Amino acid sequence: MKNASDNTPYPQSGNSSDSSAPGIAIFQKLVAVARSSDKTMAGLSQWILDNQAQATGLTISSLAQQTGVSETTVFRFCKMLGLKGYKDLRFALAEGRGLALGTQLAGTGAEGPDPKDHRMSSIMRRVIDVNTEQLLKTASLVPLDALQQASDLIVAANHIHLVGFGSSAPVAFDAYQRFLALGLTASAHSDPHILAAVTATVRPGALFLGISCSGLTRDITDTFESAGTRGLKRIAITSNPNSPVAAGADVVLVSAVRRSPVSMDVISTRISQLSIIEMICVALAENYAADPTIMHDTKMIDQEIAKKRVPVRDTPPPKKTP
């Protein structure tokens, strides 16, 4: 088993400035426990340090099985670290790994005596930190069983209707393109009149996937209500799990959101929504990998799209500026 000090990205020193960040502090605590005399807790802590990415995605029962301890021991371990429970441990691990990555990426910005360089470096760091925070929050908000249920409903549907308005519309259209690439029959709607016509004539077996940050979009709630009366399945991606959109869905996937006047918050929220779409697409792609018919369709799609690209050899050289 590797020594705790040999692994990254958790910090190697007990710098007080690092310990102020909960995500970073968790690794310092894990290192301390790994060096303790309690062999059971030390072994559990060392395994987490050596398998950070895997540990972040494990359930408490899976972690107990991997490390050869009981779930009660894992819970006591969380308490030893000063956490309320296992969910807090997973979030702290994800946050710590994200902060380390964000710091590493932000550190690639220009640093120099020019104040403008420092300003741009600060902007870069803030943007990366905000987006990293959104992804980490999303990981803690989306239950794995809900993600599985959403994937199963999409596989079973004969047509996926993706619905989004305002800033959620680009997410719906991005999901539409991703689903098409997987060989799924899908369509995207951001016009309320067209959506009303589709809802009125939809056939059995269809599925509606509504994307609404607020969860208050009337056209989506109306569509979900109409679809529900016909026995059609509905999936909601929203940042408000107590909203009307969430209430009208069979499966709710909660995206992270930041409430502030900063303009980049719209982008960070969209990143959270897109990450959920990507989770679904990756799950579907892995399921379809064993289906020769679907794999043939996706290959044909890739070949047709490739024809739309200009070959490198035919690209004209850039014009020389005088």
C-alpha atoms as a PDB file:
ATOM      1  CA  MET A   1       0.000   0.000   0.000  1.00  0.00           C
ATOM      2  CA  LYS A   2       1.397   3.394  -0.953  1.00  0.00           C
ATOM      3  CA  ASN A   3       2.430   5.940   1.625  1.00  0.00           C
ATOM      4  CA  ALA A   4      -0.057   8.774   1.961  1.00  0.00           C
ATOM      5  CA  SER A   5       2.550  11.359   1.117  1.00  0.00           C
ATOM      6  CA  ASP A   6       3.136   9.796  -2.309  1.00  0.00           C
ATOM      7  CA  ASN A   7      -0.342  10.464  -3.670  1.00  0.00           C
ATOM      8  CA  THR A   8      -1.776  13.590  -5.310  1.00  0.00           C
ATOM      9  CA  PRO A   9      -3.564  15.996  -5.520  1.00  0.00           C
ATOM     10  CA  TYR A  10      -4.100  16.308  -1.744  1.00  0.00           C
ATOM     11  CA  PRO A  11      -1.697  18.732  -0.061  1.00  0.00           C
ATOM     12  CA  GLN A  12       1.584  17.612   1.407  1.00  0.00           C
ATOM     13  CA  SER A  13       1.837  20.223   4.149  1.00  0.00           C
ATOM     14  CA  GLY A  14      -0.372  21.494   6.927  1.00  0.00           C
ATOM     15  CA  ASN A  15      -0.504  25.027   5.611  1.00  0.00           C
ATOM     16  CA  SER A  16      -3.145  26.907   7.568  1.00  0.00           C
ATOM     17  CA  SER A  17      -4.368  28.747   4.497  1.00  0.00           C
ATOM     18  CA  ASP A  18      -5.206  25.435   2.823  1.00  0.00           C
ATOM     19  CA  SER A  19      -7.032  24.061   5.849  1.00  0.00           C
ATOM     20  CA  SER A  20      -9.577  26.862   5.606  1.00  0.00           C
ATOM     21  CA  ALA A  21     -11.032  25.138   2.533  1.00  0.00           C
ATOM     22  CA  PRO A  22     -13.153  22.134   3.628  1.00  0.00           C
ATOM     23  CA  GLY A  23     -12.284  20.140   0.506  1.00  0.00           C
ATOM     24  CA  ILE A  24      -8.552  20.570   1.033  1.00  0.00           C
ATOM     25  CA  ALA A  25      -8.773  20.007   4.810  1.00  0.00           C
ATOM     26  CA  ILE A  26     -10.324  16.566   4.329  1.00  0.00           C
ATOM     27  CA  PHE A  27      -7.120  15.271   2.752  1.00  0.00           C
ATOM     28  CA  GLN A  28      -5.041  16.593   5.633  1.00  0.00           C
ATOM     29  CA  LYS A  29      -7.326  14.730   8.044  1.00  0.00           C
ATOM     30  CA  LEU A  30      -7.128  11.558   5.956  1.00  0.00           C
ATOM     31  CA  VAL A  31      -3.333  11.691   5.982  1.00  0.00           C
ATOM     32  CA  ALA A  32      -3.385  12.077   9.772  1.00  0.00           C
ATOM     33  CA  VAL A  33      -5.736   9.105  10.222  1.00  0.00           C
ATOM     34  CA  ALA A  34      -3.661   6.999   7.808  1.00  0.00           C
ATOM     35  CA  ARG A  35      -0.679   7.510  10.110  1.00  0.00           C
ATOM     36  CA  SER A  36      -2.629   6.735  13.297  1.00  0.00           C
ATOM     37  CA  SER A  37      -2.314   3.596  15.427  1.00  0.00           C
ATOM     38  CA  ASP A  38      -5.888   2.480  14.711  1.00  0.00           C
ATOM     39  CA  LYS A  39      -5.171  -0.100  11.994  1.00  0.00           C
ATOM     40  CA  THR A  40      -8.771  -0.356  10.790  1.00  0.00           C
ATOM     41  CA  MET A  41      -9.286   3.382  10.399  1.00  0.00           C
ATOM     42  CA  ALA A  42      -5.750   3.867   9.078  1.00  0.00           C
ATOM     43  CA  GLY A  43      -6.289   1.213   6.410  1.00  0.00           C
ATOM     44  CA  LEU A  44      -9.630   2.719   5.405  1.00  0.00           C
ATOM     45  CA  SER A  45      -8.123   6.198   5.209  1.00  0.00           C
ATOM     46  CA  GLN A  46      -5.142   4.967   3.185  1.00  0.00           C
ATOM     47  CA  TRP A  47      -7.398   3.175   0.700  1.00  0.00           C
ATOM     48  CA  ILE A  48      -9.373   6.377   0.111  1.00  0.00           C
ATOM     49  CA  LEU A  49      -6.167   8.367  -0.373  1.00  0.00           C
ATOM     50  CA  ASP A  50      -4.890   5.813  -2.879  1.00  0.00           C
ATOM     51  CA  ASN A  51      -8.204   5.611  -4.761  1.00  0.00           C
ATOM     52  CA  GLN A  52      -9.611   9.127  -4.565  1.00  0.00           C
ATOM     53  CA  ALA A  53     -11.486   9.166  -7.872  1.00  0.00           C
ATOM     54  CA  GLN A  54     -13.075   5.762  -7.224  1.00  0.00           C
ATOM     55  CA  ALA A  55     -13.948   6.554  -3.608  1.00  0.00           C
ATOM     56  CA  THR A  56     -15.795   9.724  -4.623  1.00  0.00           C
ATOM     57  CA  GLY A  57     -18.334   7.706  -6.618  1.00  0.00           C
ATOM     58  CA  LEU A  58     -18.844   4.743  -4.261  1.00  0.00           C
ATOM     59  CA  THR A  59     -21.869   4.163  -2.061  1.00  0.00           C
ATOM     60  CA  ILE A  60     -21.233   3.476   1.617  1.00  0.00           C
ATOM     61  CA  SER A  61     -21.885  -0.250   1.112  1.00  0.00           C
ATOM     62  CA  SER A  62     -19.509  -0.390  -1.865  1.00  0.00           C
ATOM     63  CA  LEU A  63     -16.753   1.375   0.073  1.00  0.00           C
ATOM     64  CA  ALA A  64     -17.247  -1.009   2.997  1.00  0.00           C
ATOM     65  CA  GLN A  65     -16.975  -3.974   0.642  1.00  0.00           C
ATOM     66  CA  GLN A  66     -13.886  -2.590  -1.095  1.00  0.00           C
ATOM     67  CA  THR A  67     -12.068  -1.992   2.176  1.00  0.00           C
ATOM     68  CA  GLY A  68     -13.284  -5.053   4.072  1.00  0.00           C
ATOM     69  CA  VAL A  69     -15.043  -3.181   6.864  1.00  0.00           C
ATOM     70  CA  SER A  70     -18.659  -2.758   7.929  1.00  0.00           C
ATOM     71  CA  GLU A  71     -20.912   0.154   7.001  1.00  0.00           C
ATOM     72  CA  THR A  72     -21.001   1.057  10.686  1.00  0.00           C
ATOM     73  CA  THR A  73     -17.217   1.377  10.640  1.00  0.00           C
ATOM     74  CA  VAL A  74     -17.405   3.677   7.619  1.00  0.00           C
ATOM     75  CA  PHE A  75     -19.963   5.824   9.417  1.00  0.00           C
ATOM     76  CA  ARG A  76     -17.751   6.008  12.538  1.00  0.00           C
ATOM     77  CA  PHE A  77     -14.862   6.904  10.239  1.00  0.00           C
ATOM     78  CA  CYS A  78     -16.862   9.856   8.878  1.00  0.00           C
ATOM     79  CA  LYS A  79     -17.599  11.013  12.421  1.00  0.00           C
ATOM     80  CA  MET A  80     -13.887  10.749  13.235  1.00  0.00           C
ATOM     81  CA  LEU A  81     -13.213  13.147  10.363  1.00  0.00           C
ATOM     82  CA  GLY A  82     -15.714  15.620  11.804  1.00  0.00           C
ATOM     83  CA  LEU A  83     -18.383  14.921   9.181  1.00  0.00           C
ATOM     84  CA  LYS A  84     -22.105  14.326   9.687  1.00  0.00           C
ATOM     85  CA  GLY A  85     -22.198  11.266   7.467  1.00  0.00           C
ATOM     86  CA  TYR A  86     -20.960   9.479   4.380  1.00  0.00           C
ATOM     87  CA  LYS A  87     -22.578  11.894   1.933  1.00  0.00           C
ATOM     88  CA  ASP A  88     -20.504  14.713   3.432  1.00  0.00           C
ATOM     89  CA  LEU A  89     -17.360  12.620   2.984  1.00  0.00           C
ATOM     90  CA  ARG A  90     -18.079  12.064  -0.714  1.00  0.00           C
ATOM     91  CA  PHE A  91     -18.766  15.743  -1.250  1.00  0.00           C
ATOM     92  CA  ALA A  92     -15.600  16.776   0.620  1.00  0.00           C
ATOM     93  CA  LEU A  93     -13.517  14.366  -1.464  1.00  0.00           C
ATOM     94  CA  ALA A  94     -15.024  15.640  -4.714  1.00  0.00           C
ATOM     95  CA  GLU A  95     -14.599  19.251  -3.598  1.00  0.00           C
ATOM     96  CA  GLY A  96     -10.990  18.693  -2.591  1.00  0.00           C
ATOM     97  CA  ARG A  97     -10.085  17.051  -5.885  1.00  0.00           C
ATOM     98  CA  GLY A  98     -11.858  19.822  -7.799  1.00  0.00           C
ATOM     99  CA  LEU A  99     -10.131  22.594  -5.860  1.00  0.00           C
ATOM    100  CA  ALA A 100      -6.750  21.010  -6.501  1.00  0.00           C
ATOM    101  CA  LEU A 101      -7.503  20.737 -10.207  1.00  0.00           C
ATOM    102  CA  GLY A 102      -8.926  24.260 -10.359  1.00  0.00           C
ATOM    103  CA  THR A 103      -5.835  25.671  -8.664  1.00  0.00           C
ATOM    104  CA  GLN A 104      -3.592  23.754 -11.025  1.00  0.00           C
ATOM    105  CA  LEU A 105      -5.428  24.994 -14.111  1.00  0.00           C
ATOM    106  CA  ALA A 106      -5.724  28.548 -12.846  1.00  0.00           C
ATOM    107  CA  GLY A 107      -2.005  28.538 -12.121  1.00  0.00           C
ATOM    108  CA  THR A 108      -1.315  28.265 -15.831  1.00  0.00           C
ATOM    109  CA  GLY A 109      -2.464  31.870 -16.278  1.00  0.00           C
ATOM    110  CA  ALA A 110       0.013  34.639 -16.930  1.00  0.00           C
ATOM    111  CA  GLU A 111       1.657  36.005 -13.797  1.00  0.00           C
ATOM    112  CA  GLY A 112       3.903  39.032 -14.013  1.00  0.00           C
ATOM    113  CA  PRO A 113       4.530  42.533 -12.803  1.00  0.00           C
ATOM    114  CA  ASP A 114       1.839  43.968 -15.059  1.00  0.00           C
ATOM    115  CA  PRO A 115      -1.362  44.529 -12.983  1.00  0.00           C
ATOM    116  CA  LYS A 116      -3.388  43.480 -16.018  1.00  0.00           C
ATOM    117  CA  ASP A 117      -1.784  40.035 -15.848  1.00  0.00           C
ATOM    118  CA  HIS A 118      -2.756  39.664 -12.202  1.00  0.00           C
ATOM    119  CA  ARG A 119      -6.289  40.812 -12.975  1.00  0.00           C
ATOM    120  CA  MET A 120      -6.713  38.315 -15.823  1.00  0.00           C
ATOM    121  CA  SER A 121      -5.228  35.547 -13.690  1.00  0.00           C
ATOM    122  CA  SER A 122      -7.761  36.372 -10.978  1.00  0.00           C
ATOM    123  CA  ILE A 123     -10.606  36.290 -13.500  1.00  0.00           C
ATOM    124  CA  MET A 124      -9.407  32.951 -14.845  1.00  0.00           C
ATOM    125  CA  ARG A 125      -9.232  31.506 -11.345  1.00  0.00           C
ATOM    126  CA  ARG A 126     -12.705  32.754 -10.407  1.00  0.00           C
ATOM    127  CA  VAL A 127     -14.316  31.346 -13.537  1.00  0.00           C
ATOM    128  CA  ILE A 128     -12.644  27.964 -13.118  1.00  0.00           C
ATOM    129  CA  ASP A 129     -13.513  27.831  -9.418  1.00  0.00           C
ATOM    130  CA  VAL A 130     -17.178  28.671 -10.075  1.00  0.00           C
ATOM    131  CA  ASN A 131     -17.522  26.034 -12.788  1.00  0.00           C
ATOM    132  CA  THR A 132     -15.666  23.447 -10.718  1.00  0.00           C
ATOM    133  CA  GLU A 133     -17.937  24.189  -7.776  1.00  0.00           C
ATOM    134  CA  GLN A 134     -21.002  23.676  -9.972  1.00  0.00           C
ATOM    135  CA  LEU A 135     -19.800  20.286 -11.168  1.00  0.00           C
ATOM    136  CA  LEU A 136     -19.018  19.157  -7.630  1.00  0.00           C
ATOM    137  CA  LYS A 137     -22.426  20.289  -6.399  1.00  0.00           C
ATOM    138  CA  THR A 138     -24.074  18.464  -9.293  1.00  0.00           C
ATOM    139  CA  ALA A 139     -22.276  15.248  -8.346  1.00  0.00           C
ATOM    140  CA  SER A 140     -23.657  15.529  -4.816  1.00  0.00           C
ATOM    141  CA  LEU A 141     -27.205  16.394  -5.940  1.00  0.00           C
ATOM    142  CA  VAL A 142     -27.848  13.701  -8.561  1.00  0.00           C
ATOM    143  CA  PRO A 143     -28.746  10.310  -7.013  1.00  0.00           C
ATOM    144  CA  LEU A 144     -27.277   7.372  -8.914  1.00  0.00           C
ATOM    145  CA  ASP A 145     -30.612   5.537  -8.904  1.00  0.00           C
ATOM    146  CA  ALA A 146     -32.362   8.549 -10.479  1.00  0.00           C
ATOM    147  CA  LEU A 147     -29.674   8.674 -13.163  1.00  0.00           C
ATOM    148  CA  GLN A 148     -30.222   4.979 -13.863  1.00  0.00           C
ATOM    149  CA  GLN A 149     -33.996   5.423 -14.005  1.00  0.00           C
ATOM    150  CA  ALA A 150     -33.644   8.292 -16.477  1.00  0.00           C
ATOM    151  CA  SER A 151     -31.363   6.210 -18.698  1.00  0.00           C
ATOM    152  CA  ASP A 152     -33.790   3.278 -18.607  1.00  0.00           C
ATOM    153  CA  LEU A 153     -36.751   5.492 -19.549  1.00  0.00           C
ATOM    154  CA  ILE A 154     -34.838   6.955 -22.488  1.00  0.00           C
ATOM    155  CA  VAL A 155     -33.875   3.494 -23.741  1.00  0.00           C
ATOM    156  CA  ALA A 156     -37.510   2.363 -23.536  1.00  0.00           C
ATOM    157  CA  ALA A 157     -38.918   5.440 -25.333  1.00  0.00           C
ATOM    158  CA  ASN A 158     -39.648   5.437 -29.055  1.00  0.00           C
ATOM    159  CA  HIS A 159     -39.225   9.222 -29.280  1.00  0.00           C
ATOM    160  CA  ILE A 160     -37.566  11.665 -26.888  1.00  0.00           C
ATOM    161  CA  HIS A 161     -38.975  15.202 -26.871  1.00  0.00           C
ATOM    162  CA  LEU A 162     -36.450  17.599 -25.326  1.00  0.00           C
ATOM    163  CA  VAL A 163     -37.943  20.842 -24.047  1.00  0.00           C
ATOM    164  CA  GLY A 164     -36.158  23.987 -22.905  1.00  0.00           C
ATOM    165  CA  PHE A 165     -36.819  27.730 -22.972  1.00  0.00           C
ATOM    166  CA  GLY A 166     -34.596  30.758 -22.475  1.00  0.00           C
ATOM    167  CA  SER A 167     -31.114  29.827 -21.262  1.00  0.00           C
ATOM    168  CA  SER A 168     -32.166  26.163 -21.092  1.00  0.00           C
ATOM    169  CA  ALA A 169     -32.979  26.022 -24.813  1.00  0.00           C
ATOM    170  CA  PRO A 170     -29.328  25.542 -25.920  1.00  0.00           C
ATOM    171  CA  VAL A 171     -29.047  22.653 -23.464  1.00  0.00           C
ATOM    172  CA  ALA A 172     -32.098  20.969 -24.998  1.00  0.00           C
ATOM    173  CA  PHE A 173     -30.664  21.336 -28.493  1.00  0.00           C
ATOM    174  CA  ASP A 174     -27.264  20.073 -27.379  1.00  0.00           C
ATOM    175  CA  ALA A 175     -28.955  17.015 -25.852  1.00  0.00           C
ATOM    176  CA  TYR A 176     -30.858  16.564 -29.117  1.00  0.00           C
ATOM    177  CA  GLN A 177     -27.596  16.423 -31.080  1.00  0.00           C
ATOM    178  CA  ARG A 178     -26.045  14.022 -28.579  1.00  0.00           C
ATOM    179  CA  PHE A 179     -29.046  11.692 -28.704  1.00  0.00           C
ATOM    180  CA  LEU A 180     -29.039  11.733 -32.500  1.00  0.00           C
ATOM    181  CA  ALA A 181     -25.381  10.717 -32.465  1.00  0.00           C
ATOM    182  CA  LEU A 182     -26.388   7.716 -30.354  1.00  0.00           C
ATOM    183  CA  GLY A 183     -28.980   6.700 -32.927  1.00  0.00           C
ATOM    184  CA  LEU A 184     -31.974   7.766 -30.842  1.00  0.00           C
ATOM    185  CA  THR A 185     -35.128   9.288 -32.293  1.00  0.00           C
ATOM    186  CA  ALA A 186     -35.393  12.709 -30.703  1.00  0.00           C
ATOM    187  CA  SER A 187     -36.489  16.288 -31.259  1.00  0.00           C
ATOM    188  CA  ALA A 188     -35.915  19.562 -29.422  1.00  0.00           C
ATOM    189  CA  HIS A 189     -38.545  22.233 -28.761  1.00  0.00           C
ATOM    190  CA  SER A 190     -38.162  25.831 -27.611  1.00  0.00           C
ATOM    191  CA  ASP A 191     -41.252  27.323 -29.265  1.00  0.00           C
ATOM    192  CA  PRO A 192     -44.383  27.132 -27.081  1.00  0.00           C
ATOM    193  CA  HIS A 193     -46.789  26.931 -30.025  1.00  0.00           C
ATOM    194  CA  ILE A 194     -44.911  24.086 -31.694  1.00  0.00           C
ATOM    195  CA  LEU A 195     -44.638  22.341 -28.346  1.00  0.00           C
ATOM    196  CA  ALA A 196     -48.408  22.644 -27.871  1.00  0.00           C
ATOM    197  CA  ALA A 197     -48.987  21.039 -31.273  1.00  0.00           C
ATOM    198  CA  VAL A 198     -46.531  18.239 -30.499  1.00  0.00           C
ATOM    199  CA  THR A 199     -48.100  17.599 -27.109  1.00  0.00           C
ATOM    200  CA  ALA A 200     -51.574  17.409 -28.653  1.00  0.00           C
ATOM    201  CA  THR A 201     -50.546  14.798 -31.234  1.00  0.00           C
ATOM    202  CA  VAL A 202     -47.840  12.823 -29.436  1.00  0.00           C
ATOM    203  CA  ARG A 203     -47.962   9.054 -29.853  1.00  0.00           C
ATOM    204  CA  PRO A 204     -47.805   6.420 -27.091  1.00  0.00           C
ATOM    205  CA  GLY A 205     -44.296   5.443 -26.048  1.00  0.00           C
ATOM    206  CA  ALA A 206     -42.876   8.950 -26.304  1.00  0.00           C
ATOM    207  CA  LEU A 207     -40.895  10.595 -23.521  1.00  0.00           C
ATOM    208  CA  PHE A 208     -40.621  14.252 -22.509  1.00  0.00           C
ATOM    209  CA  LEU A 209     -37.398  15.583 -20.990  1.00  0.00           C
ATOM    210  CA  GLY A 210     -37.904  19.107 -19.680  1.00  0.00           C
ATOM    211  CA  ILE A 211     -35.032  21.398 -18.708  1.00  0.00           C
ATOM    212  CA  SER A 212     -35.847  24.346 -16.454  1.00  0.00           C
ATOM    213  CA  CYS A 213     -33.470  25.941 -13.985  1.00  0.00           C
ATOM    214  CA  SER A 214     -36.263  27.565 -11.966  1.00  0.00           C
ATOM    215  CA  GLY A 215     -38.690  24.689 -12.399  1.00  0.00           C
ATOM    216  CA  LEU A 216     -41.435  27.262 -12.924  1.00  0.00           C
ATOM    217  CA  THR A 217     -41.686  27.265 -16.735  1.00  0.00           C
ATOM    218  CA  ARG A 218     -45.422  27.073 -17.430  1.00  0.00           C
ATOM    219  CA  ASP A 219     -45.098  25.496 -20.874  1.00  0.00           C
ATOM    220  CA  ILE A 220     -43.125  22.604 -19.407  1.00  0.00           C
ATOM    221  CA  THR A 221     -45.530  22.086 -16.498  1.00  0.00           C
ATOM    222  CA  ASP A 222     -48.478  22.112 -18.924  1.00  0.00           C
ATOM    223  CA  THR A 223     -46.699  19.639 -21.197  1.00  0.00           C
ATOM    224  CA  PHE A 224     -45.862  17.340 -18.292  1.00  0.00           C
ATOM    225  CA  GLU A 225     -49.462  17.452 -17.082  1.00  0.00           C
ATOM    226  CA  SER A 226     -50.821  16.603 -20.518  1.00  0.00           C
ATOM    227  CA  ALA A 227     -48.249  13.844 -21.027  1.00  0.00           C
ATOM    228  CA  GLY A 228     -49.033  12.386 -17.619  1.00  0.00           C
ATOM    229  CA  THR A 229     -52.725  12.014 -18.414  1.00  0.00           C
ATOM    230  CA  ARG A 230     -51.708   9.865 -21.395  1.00  0.00           C
ATOM    231  CA  GLY A 231     -49.368   7.685 -19.401  1.00  0.00           C
ATOM    232  CA  LEU A 232     -46.209   9.120 -20.961  1.00  0.00           C
ATOM    233  CA  LYS A 233     -43.002   9.299 -18.951  1.00  0.00           C
ATOM    234  CA  ARG A 234     -41.405  12.615 -17.988  1.00  0.00           C
ATOM    235  CA  ILE A 235     -37.887  13.515 -16.869  1.00  0.00           C
ATOM    236  CA  ALA A 236     -37.032  16.893 -15.347  1.00  0.00           C
ATOM    237  CA  ILE A 237     -33.625  18.548 -15.096  1.00  0.00           C
ATOM    238  CA  THR A 238     -34.073  21.451 -12.709  1.00  0.00           C
ATOM    239  CA  SER A 239     -32.302  23.314  -9.935  1.00  0.00           C
ATOM    240  CA  ASN A 240     -35.519  23.484  -7.913  1.00  0.00           C
ATOM    241  CA  PRO A 241     -36.564  20.005  -6.688  1.00  0.00           C
ATOM    242  CA  ASN A 242     -39.659  21.476  -4.998  1.00  0.00           C
ATOM    243  CA  SER A 243     -40.949  23.162  -8.154  1.00  0.00           C
ATOM    244  CA  PRO A 244     -44.042  22.399 -10.270  1.00  0.00           C
ATOM    245  CA  VAL A 245     -41.829  21.001 -13.043  1.00  0.00           C
ATOM    246  CA  ALA A 246     -40.220  18.568 -10.591  1.00  0.00           C
ATOM    247  CA  ALA A 247     -43.612  17.636  -9.144  1.00  0.00           C
ATOM    248  CA  GLY A 248     -44.884  16.700 -12.599  1.00  0.00           C
ATOM    249  CA  ALA A 249     -41.934  14.468 -13.488  1.00  0.00           C
ATOM    250  CA  ASP A 250     -41.424  10.744 -13.017  1.00  0.00           C
ATOM    251  CA  VAL A 251     -37.684  11.262 -12.524  1.00  0.00           C
ATOM    252  CA  VAL A 252     -36.014  14.440 -11.253  1.00  0.00           C
ATOM    253  CA  LEU A 253     -32.333  15.204 -11.845  1.00  0.00           C
ATOM    254  CA  VAL A 254     -31.254  18.219  -9.797  1.00  0.00           C
ATOM    255  CA  SER A 255     -28.713  20.586 -11.335  1.00  0.00           C
ATOM    256  CA  ALA A 256     -26.620  23.016  -9.311  1.00  0.00           C
ATOM    257  CA  VAL A 257     -27.297  26.755  -9.408  1.00  0.00           C
ATOM    258  CA  ARG A 258     -25.678  29.914  -8.071  1.00  0.00           C
ATOM    259  CA  ARG A 259     -27.882  32.871  -7.171  1.00  0.00           C
ATOM    260  CA  SER A 260     -25.957  36.094  -7.775  1.00  0.00           C
ATOM    261  CA  PRO A 261     -25.915  38.894 -10.347  1.00  0.00           C
ATOM    262  CA  VAL A 262     -22.638  37.685 -11.892  1.00  0.00           C
ATOM    263  CA  SER A 263     -23.162  36.978 -15.594  1.00  0.00           C
ATOM    264  CA  MET A 264     -21.032  33.832 -15.584  1.00  0.00           C
ATOM    265  CA  ASP A 265     -23.552  32.151 -13.277  1.00  0.00           C
ATOM    266  CA  VAL A 266     -25.790  31.501 -16.302  1.00  0.00           C
ATOM    267  CA  ILE A 267     -22.936  29.619 -17.963  1.00  0.00           C
ATOM    268  CA  SER A 268     -22.043  27.700 -14.799  1.00  0.00           C
ATOM    269  CA  THR A 269     -25.659  26.589 -14.395  1.00  0.00           C
ATOM    270  CA  ARG A 270     -25.717  25.505 -18.024  1.00  0.00           C
ATOM    271  CA  ILE A 271     -22.526  23.517 -17.430  1.00  0.00           C
ATOM    272  CA  SER A 272     -24.286  21.704 -14.595  1.00  0.00           C
ATOM    273  CA  GLN A 273     -27.254  20.882 -16.840  1.00  0.00           C
ATOM    274  CA  LEU A 274     -24.975  19.742 -19.663  1.00  0.00           C
ATOM    275  CA  SER A 275     -22.995  17.538 -17.298  1.00  0.00           C
ATOM    276  CA  ILE A 276     -26.202  15.694 -16.387  1.00  0.00           C
ATOM    277  CA  ILE A 277     -26.985  15.229 -20.078  1.00  0.00           C
ATOM    278  CA  GLU A 278     -23.461  13.909 -20.585  1.00  0.00           C
ATOM    279  CA  MET A 279     -23.854  11.454 -17.693  1.00  0.00           C
ATOM    280  CA  ILE A 280     -26.953  10.062 -19.382  1.00  0.00           C
ATOM    281  CA  CYS A 281     -25.264   9.890 -22.784  1.00  0.00           C
ATOM    282  CA  VAL A 282     -22.215   8.066 -21.434  1.00  0.00           C
ATOM    283  CA  ALA A 283     -24.478   5.564 -19.656  1.00  0.00           C
ATOM    284  CA  LEU A 284     -26.438   5.027 -22.879  1.00  0.00           C
ATOM    285  CA  ALA A 285     -23.275   4.684 -24.967  1.00  0.00           C
ATOM    286  CA  GLU A 286     -21.943   1.989 -22.651  1.00  0.00           C
ATOM    287  CA  ASN A 287     -25.247   0.117 -22.838  1.00  0.00           C
ATOM    288  CA  TYR A 288     -25.348   0.370 -26.618  1.00  0.00           C
ATOM    289  CA  ALA A 289     -21.748  -0.792 -27.068  1.00  0.00           C
ATOM    290  CA  ALA A 290     -22.978  -4.394 -27.112  1.00  0.00           C
ATOM    291  CA  ASP A 291     -25.760  -3.725 -29.656  1.00  0.00           C
ATOM    292  CA  PRO A 292     -24.412  -4.237 -33.219  1.00  0.00           C
ATOM    293  CA  THR A 293     -27.391  -2.492 -34.847  1.00  0.00           C
ATOM    294  CA  ILE A 294     -27.003   0.686 -32.820  1.00  0.00           C
ATOM    295  CA  MET A 295     -23.229   0.648 -33.206  1.00  0.00           C
ATOM    296  CA  HIS A 296     -23.706   0.375 -36.982  1.00  0.00           C
ATOM    297  CA  ASP A 297     -26.084   3.347 -36.950  1.00  0.00           C
ATOM    298  CA  THR A 298     -23.712   5.501 -34.914  1.00  0.00           C
ATOM    299  CA  LYS A 299     -20.858   4.584 -37.246  1.00  0.00           C
ATOM    300  CA  MET A 300     -22.941   5.642 -40.253  1.00  0.00           C
ATOM    301  CA  ILE A 301     -23.768   8.938 -38.531  1.00  0.00           C
ATOM    302  CA  ASP A 302     -20.085   9.592 -37.852  1.00  0.00           C
ATOM    303  CA  GLN A 303     -19.220   8.852 -41.476  1.00  0.00           C
ATOM    304  CA  GLU A 304     -21.875  11.214 -42.815  1.00  0.00           C
ATOM    305  CA  ILE A 305     -20.814  14.015 -40.474  1.00  0.00           C
ATOM    306  CA  ALA A 306     -17.184  13.475 -41.474  1.00  0.00           C
ATOM    307  CA  LYS A 307     -18.159  14.277 -45.070  1.00  0.00           C
ATOM    308  CA  LYS A 308     -19.156  17.768 -43.949  1.00  0.00           C
ATOM    309  CA  ARG A 309     -15.631  18.588 -42.823  1.00  0.00           C
ATOM    310  CA  VAL A 310     -13.064  20.171 -45.103  1.00  0.00           C
ATOM    311  CA  PRO A 311     -10.004  17.929 -45.521  1.00  0.00           C
ATOM    312  CA  VAL A 312      -6.869  19.464 -44.066  1.00  0.00           C
ATOM    313  CA  ARG A 313      -5.021  19.237 -47.383  1.00  0.00           C
ATOM    314  CA  ASP A 314      -7.693  21.386 -49.064  1.00  0.00           C
ATOM    315  CA  THR A 315      -7.555  24.122 -46.467  1.00  0.00           C
ATOM    316  CA  PRO A 316      -6.113  27.266 -48.085  1.00  0.00           C
ATOM    317  CA  PRO A 317      -3.029  28.700 -46.397  1.00  0.00           C
ATOM    318  CA  PRO A 318      -3.589  31.801 -44.275  1.00  0.00           C
ATOM    319  CA  LYS A 319      -3.124  35.081 -46.071  1.00  0.00           C
ATOM    320  CA  LYS A 320       0.052  36.899 -45.250  1.00  0.00           C
ATOM    321  CA  THR A 321      -0.444  40.276 -43.685  1.00  0.00           C
ATOM    322  CA  PRO A 322       1.621  43.070 -45.230  1.00  0.00           C
END
